[in-house]
Amino acid sequence: MVEAPIRPINFSAARRAMVDSQLRTSGVTAEWAVGRMGSVPREDFVPASAKGVAYVDRAIPLGEGKFLAAPLFHGMMLQEAAPKSTDVAVVVDGGSGYLAQLLKPLVASLRVLTPEEALASPRGGKKADLLLVDGAIEHVPASLAKRLADNGRLVTGLAANGVTRLATGRKAGNDIALLPLAEIGIPRLSQFDAPKSWSF
């Protein structure tokens, strides 16, 4: 019995299909956003064993608690963030580096932080106009809020009662009030779990 040759995956076609069947049908239609999603190769941000599923509509575990979130989350996040060419931006990375690559050419400067770095108190430097968190968090700790300039924008996943949603907010004073938007599956960043309170 002769085995059929294995055909290489056409990643360009997979990206086009992702844009047309996952993004545009779910409201991600800004041409600059779908342009970035259609040009950055997701397969470069996963292990070799996962390249064949790089464009499926779900998150891909990368090991050690890291992940590449589903394409729709990144597309919705990018469109909601509406980055400006003058923005000083910060990305709290979920472990893949993909979101930072999407955002980099759209802003004036970009700093990438691990969740652990984002939880540490900032040590000066220019505050961010735009902060994106590549995952779902239960709350916005003070150390994260301090990284945003007044009226700075935050776009993140928000986890509450077992449900994750895309959420956005602006900084006013020391506070950031988050507005939950679309319900969507988003990997949770456990480093940002809310402190557990005692109950009797």
N, C-alpha and C. Protein backbone atom coordinates (compact mmCIF):
# COMPACT_ATOMS: atom_id res chain seq x y z
N MET A 1 0.85 -1.19 0.00
CA MET A 1 0.00 0.00 0.00
C MET A 1 0.88 1.24 0.00
N VAL A 2 0.62 2.14 -0.94
CA VAL A 2 1.40 3.37 -1.05
C VAL A 2 0.68 4.48 -0.30
N GLU A 3 1.40 5.09 0.63
CA GLU A 3 0.81 6.19 1.39
C GLU A 3 0.80 7.46 0.56
N ALA A 4 -0.30 8.20 0.68
CA ALA A 4 -0.39 9.48 -0.02
C ALA A 4 0.60 10.46 0.58
N PRO A 5 1.23 11.27 -0.24
CA PRO A 5 2.17 12.25 0.30
C PRO A 5 1.46 13.27 1.18
N ILE A 6 2.13 13.70 2.21
CA ILE A 6 1.56 14.71 3.10
C ILE A 6 1.73 16.08 2.46
N ARG A 7 0.62 16.76 2.27
CA ARG A 7 0.69 18.09 1.67
C ARG A 7 1.04 19.13 2.72
N PRO A 8 1.95 20.03 2.38
CA PRO A 8 2.26 21.10 3.33
C PRO A 8 1.06 22.01 3.54
N ILE A 9 0.95 22.57 4.72
CA ILE A 9 -0.17 23.44 5.03
C ILE A 9 0.03 24.79 4.34
N ASN A 10 -1.02 25.28 3.72
CA ASN A 10 -0.99 26.60 3.10
C ASN A 10 -1.40 27.62 4.17
N PHE A 11 -0.42 28.17 4.87
CA PHE A 11 -0.73 29.07 5.97
C PHE A 11 -1.33 30.39 5.49
N SER A 12 -0.96 30.85 4.30
CA SER A 12 -1.55 32.08 3.77
C SER A 12 -3.05 31.90 3.56
N ALA A 13 -3.44 30.75 3.03
CA ALA A 13 -4.86 30.46 2.84
C ALA A 13 -5.56 30.33 4.19
N ALA A 14 -4.89 29.75 5.18
CA ALA A 14 -5.47 29.61 6.51
C ALA A 14 -5.70 30.98 7.15
N ARG A 15 -4.77 31.92 6.93
CA ARG A 15 -4.95 33.27 7.47
C ARG A 15 -6.14 33.96 6.81
N ARG A 16 -6.27 33.81 5.50
CA ARG A 16 -7.41 34.42 4.81
C ARG A 16 -8.73 33.84 5.30
N ALA A 17 -8.75 32.53 5.49
CA ALA A 17 -9.96 31.88 5.99
C ALA A 17 -10.29 32.36 7.40
N MET A 18 -9.27 32.54 8.24
CA MET A 18 -9.47 33.04 9.60
C MET A 18 -10.12 34.42 9.56
N VAL A 19 -9.59 35.29 8.72
CA VAL A 19 -10.13 36.65 8.60
C VAL A 19 -11.58 36.62 8.13
N ASP A 20 -11.87 35.82 7.11
CA ASP A 20 -13.20 35.81 6.52
C ASP A 20 -14.23 35.08 7.36
N SER A 21 -13.85 33.94 7.97
CA SER A 21 -14.84 33.11 8.65
C SER A 21 -14.91 33.33 10.15
N GLN A 22 -13.83 33.85 10.76
CA GLN A 22 -13.84 34.07 12.21
C GLN A 22 -13.97 35.54 12.58
N LEU A 23 -13.24 36.40 11.88
CA LEU A 23 -13.21 37.82 12.26
C LEU A 23 -14.35 38.63 11.66
N ARG A 24 -14.43 38.66 10.34
CA ARG A 24 -15.43 39.51 9.69
C ARG A 24 -16.85 39.12 10.09
N THR A 25 -17.11 37.82 10.24
CA THR A 25 -18.46 37.37 10.60
C THR A 25 -18.82 37.70 12.04
N SER A 26 -17.81 38.09 12.86
CA SER A 26 -18.06 38.40 14.27
C SER A 26 -17.88 39.89 14.56
N GLY A 27 -17.83 40.70 13.51
CA GLY A 27 -17.80 42.15 13.72
C GLY A 27 -16.44 42.80 13.68
N VAL A 28 -15.38 42.03 13.47
CA VAL A 28 -14.05 42.63 13.33
C VAL A 28 -13.89 42.96 11.85
N THR A 29 -14.14 44.23 11.51
CA THR A 29 -14.19 44.63 10.11
C THR A 29 -13.28 45.81 9.78
N ALA A 30 -12.68 46.45 10.79
CA ALA A 30 -11.77 47.57 10.51
C ALA A 30 -10.62 47.05 9.64
N GLU A 31 -10.42 47.67 8.49
CA GLU A 31 -9.45 47.14 7.54
C GLU A 31 -8.03 47.09 8.09
N TRP A 32 -7.67 48.07 8.91
CA TRP A 32 -6.31 48.07 9.48
C TRP A 32 -6.16 46.89 10.45
N ALA A 33 -7.23 46.54 11.17
CA ALA A 33 -7.17 45.43 12.13
C ALA A 33 -7.10 44.09 11.41
N VAL A 34 -7.99 43.88 10.44
CA VAL A 34 -7.95 42.60 9.72
C VAL A 34 -6.69 42.52 8.85
N GLY A 35 -6.16 43.68 8.46
CA GLY A 35 -4.90 43.68 7.72
C GLY A 35 -3.76 43.15 8.55
N ARG A 36 -3.68 43.57 9.81
CA ARG A 36 -2.64 43.07 10.70
C ARG A 36 -2.85 41.59 10.99
N MET A 37 -4.09 41.19 11.25
CA MET A 37 -4.38 39.80 11.55
C MET A 37 -4.08 38.91 10.35
N GLY A 38 -4.25 39.46 9.16
CA GLY A 38 -4.01 38.68 7.95
C GLY A 38 -2.57 38.66 7.50
N SER A 39 -1.72 39.45 8.15
CA SER A 39 -0.32 39.52 7.71
C SER A 39 0.67 38.91 8.71
N VAL A 40 0.28 38.80 9.98
CA VAL A 40 1.19 38.23 10.99
C VAL A 40 0.95 36.73 11.08
N PRO A 41 1.96 35.91 10.82
CA PRO A 41 1.80 34.45 10.80
C PRO A 41 1.68 33.84 12.19
N ARG A 42 0.48 33.44 12.58
CA ARG A 42 0.27 32.84 13.90
C ARG A 42 1.10 31.57 14.09
N GLU A 43 1.36 30.87 13.00
CA GLU A 43 2.11 29.62 13.12
C GLU A 43 3.53 29.84 13.64
N ASP A 44 4.03 31.07 13.57
CA ASP A 44 5.36 31.36 14.08
C ASP A 44 5.38 31.52 15.60
N PHE A 45 4.21 31.50 16.24
CA PHE A 45 4.12 31.78 17.67
C PHE A 45 3.66 30.56 18.47
N VAL A 46 3.70 29.39 17.84
CA VAL A 46 3.33 28.15 18.53
C VAL A 46 4.43 27.11 18.29
N PRO A 47 4.49 26.07 19.12
CA PRO A 47 5.46 25.00 18.87
C PRO A 47 5.20 24.31 17.54
N ALA A 48 6.21 23.64 17.02
CA ALA A 48 6.08 22.95 15.73
C ALA A 48 4.91 21.98 15.73
N SER A 49 4.66 21.33 16.87
CA SER A 49 3.58 20.34 16.95
C SER A 49 2.19 20.97 16.85
N ALA A 50 2.09 22.30 17.04
CA ALA A 50 0.79 22.98 17.02
C ALA A 50 0.59 23.85 15.79
N LYS A 51 1.55 23.88 14.88
CA LYS A 51 1.43 24.75 13.70
C LYS A 51 0.19 24.42 12.88
N GLY A 52 -0.18 23.16 12.82
CA GLY A 52 -1.33 22.75 12.03
C GLY A 52 -2.65 23.26 12.57
N VAL A 53 -2.69 23.69 13.84
CA VAL A 53 -3.94 24.19 14.43
C VAL A 53 -3.81 25.66 14.81
N ALA A 54 -2.83 26.35 14.23
CA ALA A 54 -2.58 27.75 14.61
C ALA A 54 -3.75 28.67 14.31
N TYR A 55 -4.62 28.28 13.36
CA TYR A 55 -5.71 29.16 12.95
C TYR A 55 -7.09 28.67 13.37
N VAL A 56 -7.15 27.67 14.22
CA VAL A 56 -8.44 27.22 14.73
C VAL A 56 -9.00 28.28 15.68
N ASP A 57 -10.32 28.23 15.90
CA ASP A 57 -10.98 29.26 16.70
C ASP A 57 -10.99 28.92 18.19
N ARG A 58 -9.82 28.62 18.71
CA ARG A 58 -9.69 28.37 20.15
C ARG A 58 -8.25 28.68 20.58
N ALA A 59 -8.07 28.81 21.88
CA ALA A 59 -6.74 29.08 22.41
C ALA A 59 -5.85 27.85 22.28
N ILE A 60 -4.55 28.09 22.13
CA ILE A 60 -3.59 26.99 22.00
C ILE A 60 -2.64 27.03 23.20
N PRO A 61 -2.65 26.00 24.04
CA PRO A 61 -1.71 25.97 25.17
C PRO A 61 -0.27 25.85 24.66
N LEU A 62 0.61 26.61 25.29
CA LEU A 62 2.02 26.60 24.91
C LEU A 62 2.90 25.95 25.97
N GLY A 63 2.30 25.53 27.07
CA GLY A 63 3.05 24.93 28.17
C GLY A 63 3.43 25.95 29.21
N GLU A 64 3.64 25.50 30.43
CA GLU A 64 4.05 26.34 31.55
C GLU A 64 3.07 27.49 31.80
N GLY A 65 1.79 27.24 31.56
CA GLY A 65 0.76 28.25 31.81
C GLY A 65 0.65 29.32 30.75
N LYS A 66 1.42 29.20 29.68
CA LYS A 66 1.37 30.19 28.61
C LYS A 66 0.41 29.72 27.51
N PHE A 67 0.00 30.66 26.65
CA PHE A 67 -0.99 30.32 25.64
C PHE A 67 -0.97 31.33 24.50
N LEU A 68 -1.53 30.90 23.38
CA LEU A 68 -1.88 31.80 22.28
C LEU A 68 -3.39 31.83 22.25
N ALA A 69 -3.98 32.99 22.56
CA ALA A 69 -5.44 33.10 22.61
C ALA A 69 -6.04 32.93 21.22
N ALA A 70 -7.34 32.68 21.16
CA ALA A 70 -8.04 32.48 19.90
C ALA A 70 -7.96 33.73 19.03
N PRO A 71 -7.97 33.56 17.70
CA PRO A 71 -7.88 34.71 16.80
C PRO A 71 -8.95 35.77 17.06
N LEU A 72 -10.17 35.36 17.36
CA LEU A 72 -11.25 36.34 17.54
C LEU A 72 -10.95 37.27 18.71
N PHE A 73 -10.40 36.75 19.79
CA PHE A 73 -10.06 37.61 20.93
C PHE A 73 -9.06 38.67 20.52
N HIS A 74 -8.01 38.27 19.81
CA HIS A 74 -7.00 39.25 19.40
C HIS A 74 -7.57 40.25 18.39
N GLY A 75 -8.40 39.78 17.48
CA GLY A 75 -9.00 40.69 16.52
C GLY A 75 -9.92 41.70 17.17
N MET A 76 -10.78 41.24 18.08
CA MET A 76 -11.69 42.14 18.79
C MET A 76 -10.91 43.11 19.67
N MET A 77 -9.87 42.60 20.34
CA MET A 77 -9.07 43.45 21.21
C MET A 77 -8.38 44.55 20.40
N LEU A 78 -7.79 44.18 19.30
CA LEU A 78 -7.09 45.15 18.47
C LEU A 78 -8.04 46.23 17.96
N GLN A 79 -9.21 45.81 17.48
CA GLN A 79 -10.18 46.78 16.97
C GLN A 79 -10.69 47.69 18.07
N GLU A 80 -10.96 47.14 19.24
CA GLU A 80 -11.46 47.93 20.36
C GLU A 80 -10.40 48.92 20.86
N ALA A 81 -9.13 48.51 20.82
CA ALA A 81 -8.05 49.38 21.30
C ALA A 81 -7.86 50.60 20.41
N ALA A 82 -8.14 50.47 19.13
CA ALA A 82 -7.97 51.56 18.16
C ALA A 82 -6.65 52.30 18.38
N PRO A 83 -5.52 51.60 18.27
CA PRO A 83 -4.22 52.23 18.55
C PRO A 83 -3.94 53.41 17.63
N LYS A 84 -3.23 54.40 18.19
CA LYS A 84 -2.84 55.59 17.44
C LYS A 84 -1.34 55.59 17.23
N SER A 85 -0.90 56.24 16.18
CA SER A 85 0.53 56.28 15.86
C SER A 85 1.32 57.05 16.90
N THR A 86 0.63 57.81 17.76
CA THR A 86 1.31 58.58 18.81
C THR A 86 1.30 57.86 20.17
N ASP A 87 0.65 56.71 20.24
CA ASP A 87 0.48 56.02 21.53
C ASP A 87 1.79 55.43 22.07
N VAL A 88 1.99 55.63 23.36
CA VAL A 88 2.96 54.84 24.12
C VAL A 88 2.16 53.64 24.64
N ALA A 89 2.55 52.44 24.24
CA ALA A 89 1.73 51.26 24.53
C ALA A 89 2.49 50.25 25.38
N VAL A 90 1.73 49.48 26.16
CA VAL A 90 2.25 48.38 26.96
C VAL A 90 1.37 47.16 26.70
N VAL A 91 2.00 46.02 26.49
CA VAL A 91 1.28 44.75 26.37
C VAL A 91 1.72 43.84 27.51
N VAL A 92 0.76 43.34 28.28
CA VAL A 92 1.03 42.28 29.24
C VAL A 92 0.82 40.98 28.48
N ASP A 93 1.89 40.27 28.24
CA ASP A 93 1.91 39.15 27.31
C ASP A 93 1.42 37.85 27.95
N GLY A 94 0.58 37.12 27.21
CA GLY A 94 0.10 35.83 27.69
C GLY A 94 1.10 34.70 27.49
N GLY A 95 2.21 34.99 26.82
CA GLY A 95 3.25 33.99 26.66
C GLY A 95 3.64 33.69 25.23
N SER A 96 2.87 34.23 24.26
CA SER A 96 3.16 33.90 22.86
C SER A 96 3.95 34.99 22.13
N GLY A 97 3.77 36.25 22.52
CA GLY A 97 4.38 37.35 21.80
C GLY A 97 3.59 37.82 20.60
N TYR A 98 2.49 37.14 20.28
CA TYR A 98 1.72 37.42 19.08
C TYR A 98 1.03 38.79 19.13
N LEU A 99 0.38 39.11 20.24
CA LEU A 99 -0.34 40.38 20.35
C LEU A 99 0.62 41.56 20.19
N ALA A 100 1.78 41.46 20.79
CA ALA A 100 2.77 42.54 20.67
C ALA A 100 3.18 42.74 19.22
N GLN A 101 3.32 41.64 18.48
CA GLN A 101 3.70 41.74 17.07
C GLN A 101 2.60 42.39 16.25
N LEU A 102 1.35 42.11 16.58
CA LEU A 102 0.23 42.77 15.90
C LEU A 102 0.25 44.27 16.13
N LEU A 103 0.54 44.67 17.35
CA LEU A 103 0.40 46.07 17.76
C LEU A 103 1.60 46.93 17.38
N LYS A 104 2.78 46.36 17.35
CA LYS A 104 4.03 47.11 17.25
C LYS A 104 4.06 48.19 16.17
N PRO A 105 3.69 47.92 14.91
CA PRO A 105 3.79 48.97 13.89
C PRO A 105 2.68 50.02 13.95
N LEU A 106 1.73 49.86 14.86
CA LEU A 106 0.58 50.76 14.93
C LEU A 106 0.75 51.85 15.97
N VAL A 107 1.80 51.77 16.79
CA VAL A 107 1.99 52.72 17.90
C VAL A 107 3.39 53.33 17.84
N ALA A 108 3.57 54.40 18.63
CA ALA A 108 4.88 55.08 18.65
C ALA A 108 5.94 54.25 19.34
N SER A 109 5.58 53.62 20.45
CA SER A 109 6.52 52.77 21.17
C SER A 109 5.74 51.68 21.89
N LEU A 110 6.41 50.57 22.13
CA LEU A 110 5.75 49.42 22.75
C LEU A 110 6.68 48.76 23.74
N ARG A 111 6.16 48.50 24.93
CA ARG A 111 6.89 47.74 25.94
C ARG A 111 6.09 46.48 26.25
N VAL A 112 6.77 45.35 26.31
CA VAL A 112 6.12 44.06 26.58
C VAL A 112 6.53 43.60 27.98
N LEU A 113 5.54 43.25 28.78
CA LEU A 113 5.78 42.80 30.16
C LEU A 113 5.20 41.40 30.36
N THR A 114 5.86 40.61 31.17
CA THR A 114 5.26 39.37 31.63
C THR A 114 4.24 39.73 32.72
N PRO A 115 3.31 38.84 33.04
CA PRO A 115 2.38 39.13 34.13
C PRO A 115 3.10 39.46 35.43
N GLU A 116 4.19 38.76 35.70
CA GLU A 116 4.94 39.02 36.94
C GLU A 116 5.55 40.41 36.93
N GLU A 117 6.09 40.83 35.80
CA GLU A 117 6.64 42.19 35.69
C GLU A 117 5.55 43.24 35.83
N ALA A 118 4.38 42.96 35.27
CA ALA A 118 3.27 43.91 35.34
C ALA A 118 2.76 44.09 36.76
N LEU A 119 2.91 43.06 37.60
CA LEU A 119 2.46 43.14 38.99
C LEU A 119 3.44 43.89 39.89
N ALA A 120 4.67 44.04 39.44
CA ALA A 120 5.67 44.77 40.22
C ALA A 120 5.41 46.26 40.09
N SER A 121 5.78 47.00 41.11
CA SER A 121 5.60 48.46 41.07
C SER A 121 6.44 49.06 39.95
N PRO A 122 5.84 49.94 39.12
CA PRO A 122 6.61 50.54 38.04
C PRO A 122 7.71 51.44 38.57
N ARG A 123 8.83 51.50 37.85
CA ARG A 123 9.98 52.29 38.28
C ARG A 123 10.18 53.49 37.37
N GLY A 124 9.23 54.39 37.38
CA GLY A 124 9.36 55.59 36.56
C GLY A 124 9.14 55.30 35.09
N GLY A 125 9.63 56.19 34.24
CA GLY A 125 9.42 56.04 32.81
C GLY A 125 8.09 56.64 32.40
N LYS A 126 7.91 56.81 31.10
CA LYS A 126 6.69 57.42 30.58
C LYS A 126 5.52 56.47 30.74
N LYS A 127 4.40 57.01 31.20
CA LYS A 127 3.22 56.18 31.38
C LYS A 127 2.55 55.90 30.04
N ALA A 128 1.82 54.81 30.00
CA ALA A 128 1.23 54.34 28.75
C ALA A 128 -0.09 55.05 28.44
N ASP A 129 -0.29 55.31 27.16
CA ASP A 129 -1.58 55.79 26.68
C ASP A 129 -2.53 54.62 26.45
N LEU A 130 -1.95 53.45 26.16
CA LEU A 130 -2.72 52.25 25.83
C LEU A 130 -2.08 51.04 26.48
N LEU A 131 -2.89 50.26 27.18
CA LEU A 131 -2.40 49.06 27.84
C LEU A 131 -3.30 47.89 27.45
N LEU A 132 -2.72 46.85 26.90
CA LEU A 132 -3.46 45.66 26.51
C LEU A 132 -3.00 44.48 27.35
N VAL A 133 -3.95 43.72 27.88
CA VAL A 133 -3.64 42.51 28.65
C VAL A 133 -4.09 41.31 27.84
N ASP A 134 -3.14 40.46 27.49
CA ASP A 134 -3.41 39.31 26.62
C ASP A 134 -3.90 38.12 27.44
N GLY A 135 -5.10 38.26 28.00
CA GLY A 135 -5.69 37.21 28.82
C GLY A 135 -6.79 37.80 29.67
N ALA A 136 -7.46 36.95 30.43
CA ALA A 136 -8.56 37.39 31.29
C ALA A 136 -8.06 37.56 32.72
N ILE A 137 -8.39 38.70 33.32
CA ILE A 137 -7.99 39.00 34.69
C ILE A 137 -9.24 39.19 35.54
N GLU A 138 -9.10 38.92 36.84
CA GLU A 138 -10.25 39.11 37.74
C GLU A 138 -10.34 40.54 38.25
N HIS A 139 -9.21 41.23 38.32
CA HIS A 139 -9.23 42.62 38.78
C HIS A 139 -8.01 43.34 38.24
N VAL A 140 -8.03 44.67 38.34
CA VAL A 140 -6.91 45.50 37.90
C VAL A 140 -6.14 45.93 39.14
N PRO A 141 -4.99 45.33 39.40
CA PRO A 141 -4.21 45.71 40.59
C PRO A 141 -3.65 47.12 40.45
N ALA A 142 -3.34 47.74 41.58
CA ALA A 142 -2.83 49.11 41.57
C ALA A 142 -1.56 49.24 40.76
N SER A 143 -0.70 48.22 40.81
CA SER A 143 0.56 48.28 40.07
C SER A 143 0.33 48.38 38.56
N LEU A 144 -0.75 47.78 38.08
CA LEU A 144 -1.08 47.85 36.66
C LEU A 144 -1.68 49.21 36.33
N ALA A 145 -2.58 49.68 37.17
CA ALA A 145 -3.22 50.99 36.95
C ALA A 145 -2.18 52.11 36.92
N LYS A 146 -1.14 51.98 37.73
CA LYS A 146 -0.10 53.02 37.79
C LYS A 146 0.68 53.15 36.49
N ARG A 147 0.62 52.14 35.66
CA ARG A 147 1.36 52.18 34.40
C ARG A 147 0.64 53.00 33.33
N LEU A 148 -0.62 53.33 33.58
CA LEU A 148 -1.41 54.08 32.62
C LEU A 148 -1.39 55.57 32.92
N ALA A 149 -1.29 56.40 31.88
CA ALA A 149 -1.43 57.84 32.03
C ALA A 149 -2.89 58.17 32.32
N ASP A 150 -3.14 59.35 32.86
CA ASP A 150 -4.51 59.77 33.11
C ASP A 150 -5.28 59.79 31.78
N ASN A 151 -6.46 59.22 31.77
CA ASN A 151 -7.29 59.05 30.58
C ASN A 151 -6.73 58.00 29.62
N GLY A 152 -5.72 57.24 30.08
CA GLY A 152 -5.19 56.15 29.27
C GLY A 152 -6.20 55.04 29.12
N ARG A 153 -6.08 54.26 28.04
CA ARG A 153 -7.05 53.21 27.72
C ARG A 153 -6.50 51.84 28.09
N LEU A 154 -7.39 51.02 28.64
CA LEU A 154 -7.07 49.63 28.97
C LEU A 154 -8.03 48.72 28.23
N VAL A 155 -7.50 47.72 27.53
CA VAL A 155 -8.33 46.69 26.91
C VAL A 155 -7.80 45.35 27.40
N THR A 156 -8.70 44.53 27.92
CA THR A 156 -8.30 43.28 28.56
C THR A 156 -9.41 42.25 28.49
N GLY A 157 -9.10 41.04 28.83
CA GLY A 157 -10.12 40.06 29.13
C GLY A 157 -10.49 40.22 30.60
N LEU A 158 -11.74 39.97 30.93
CA LEU A 158 -12.22 40.09 32.30
C LEU A 158 -12.92 38.80 32.70
N ALA A 159 -12.47 38.20 33.81
CA ALA A 159 -13.05 36.95 34.28
C ALA A 159 -13.91 37.23 35.51
N ALA A 160 -15.16 36.78 35.48
CA ALA A 160 -16.06 36.95 36.62
C ALA A 160 -17.07 35.82 36.63
N ASN A 161 -17.15 35.12 37.77
CA ASN A 161 -18.12 34.04 37.95
C ASN A 161 -18.02 32.97 36.86
N GLY A 162 -16.79 32.67 36.48
CA GLY A 162 -16.57 31.62 35.51
C GLY A 162 -16.81 32.01 34.06
N VAL A 163 -17.12 33.28 33.82
CA VAL A 163 -17.38 33.77 32.46
C VAL A 163 -16.29 34.79 32.10
N THR A 164 -15.79 34.72 30.87
CA THR A 164 -14.79 35.68 30.43
C THR A 164 -15.37 36.57 29.33
N ARG A 165 -15.02 37.84 29.40
CA ARG A 165 -15.50 38.82 28.43
C ARG A 165 -14.37 39.75 28.04
N LEU A 166 -14.47 40.32 26.86
CA LEU A 166 -13.60 41.43 26.49
C LEU A 166 -14.09 42.64 27.26
N ALA A 167 -13.17 43.45 27.77
CA ALA A 167 -13.56 44.62 28.55
C ALA A 167 -12.63 45.78 28.22
N THR A 168 -13.14 46.99 28.39
CA THR A 168 -12.35 48.18 28.13
C THR A 168 -12.61 49.21 29.22
N GLY A 169 -11.66 50.10 29.40
CA GLY A 169 -11.83 51.14 30.40
C GLY A 169 -10.84 52.26 30.20
N ARG A 170 -11.04 53.35 30.94
CA ARG A 170 -10.12 54.49 30.93
C ARG A 170 -9.74 54.82 32.35
N LYS A 171 -8.54 55.36 32.51
CA LYS A 171 -8.07 55.72 33.84
C LYS A 171 -8.52 57.12 34.19
N ALA A 172 -9.10 57.25 35.38
CA ALA A 172 -9.50 58.55 35.91
C ALA A 172 -9.01 58.62 37.34
N GLY A 173 -8.05 59.49 37.61
CA GLY A 173 -7.43 59.52 38.93
C GLY A 173 -6.61 58.26 39.12
N ASN A 174 -6.88 57.54 40.19
CA ASN A 174 -6.17 56.28 40.44
C ASN A 174 -6.98 55.05 40.04
N ASP A 175 -8.16 55.28 39.49
CA ASP A 175 -9.09 54.18 39.24
C ASP A 175 -9.27 53.92 37.74
N ILE A 176 -9.58 52.67 37.45
CA ILE A 176 -9.97 52.27 36.10
C ILE A 176 -11.28 51.49 36.21
N ALA A 177 -12.33 52.04 35.66
CA ALA A 177 -13.62 51.34 35.66
C ALA A 177 -13.73 50.56 34.36
N LEU A 178 -13.90 49.25 34.48
CA LEU A 178 -13.97 48.40 33.29
C LEU A 178 -15.42 48.19 32.85
N LEU A 179 -15.64 48.30 31.54
CA LEU A 179 -16.93 48.03 30.95
C LEU A 179 -16.86 46.71 30.20
N PRO A 180 -17.55 45.67 30.68
CA PRO A 180 -17.55 44.39 29.97
C PRO A 180 -18.26 44.53 28.63
N LEU A 181 -17.67 43.91 27.61
CA LEU A 181 -18.26 43.95 26.27
C LEU A 181 -18.70 42.54 25.89
N ALA A 182 -18.16 42.01 24.83
CA ALA A 182 -18.61 40.70 24.32
C ALA A 182 -18.13 39.55 25.19
N GLU A 183 -19.02 38.59 25.41
CA GLU A 183 -18.64 37.34 26.09
C GLU A 183 -17.89 36.47 25.09
N ILE A 184 -16.71 36.04 25.48
CA ILE A 184 -15.85 35.27 24.56
C ILE A 184 -14.89 34.44 25.40
N GLY A 185 -14.52 33.29 24.91
CA GLY A 185 -13.57 32.45 25.63
C GLY A 185 -12.18 33.06 25.61
N ILE A 186 -11.61 33.27 26.80
CA ILE A 186 -10.29 33.90 26.93
C ILE A 186 -9.52 33.15 28.01
N PRO A 187 -8.30 32.73 27.73
CA PRO A 187 -7.50 32.08 28.79
C PRO A 187 -7.28 33.05 29.95
N ARG A 188 -7.36 32.52 31.16
CA ARG A 188 -7.24 33.35 32.37
C ARG A 188 -5.78 33.46 32.78
N LEU A 189 -5.40 34.67 33.16
CA LEU A 189 -4.08 34.91 33.75
C LEU A 189 -4.24 34.83 35.27
N SER A 190 -3.85 33.70 35.85
CA SER A 190 -4.09 33.47 37.28
C SER A 190 -3.32 34.45 38.16
N GLN A 191 -2.28 35.07 37.61
CA GLN A 191 -1.51 36.04 38.39
C GLN A 191 -2.38 37.25 38.79
N PHE A 192 -3.47 37.47 38.05
CA PHE A 192 -4.33 38.62 38.32
C PHE A 192 -5.64 38.21 38.99
N ASP A 193 -5.65 37.05 39.64
CA ASP A 193 -6.83 36.67 40.40
C ASP A 193 -7.05 37.66 41.55
N ALA A 194 -8.30 37.94 41.84
CA ALA A 194 -8.63 38.85 42.94
C ALA A 194 -8.26 38.18 44.27
N PRO A 195 -7.78 38.98 45.23
CA PRO A 195 -7.48 38.41 46.55
C PRO A 195 -8.71 37.75 47.15
N LYS A 196 -8.53 36.58 47.69
CA LYS A 196 -9.66 35.86 48.29
C LYS A 196 -9.94 36.42 49.68
N SER A 197 -11.22 36.71 49.95
CA SER A 197 -11.59 37.23 51.26
C SER A 197 -12.14 36.10 52.11
N TRP A 198 -12.04 36.28 53.43
CA TRP A 198 -12.55 35.28 54.36
C TRP A 198 -14.08 35.30 54.36
N SER A 199 -14.68 34.15 54.48
CA SER A 199 -16.14 34.09 54.63
C SER A 199 -16.46 33.11 55.74
N PHE A 200 -17.52 33.37 56.47
CA PHE A 200 -17.91 32.53 57.63
C PHE A 200 -19.29 31.94 57.40
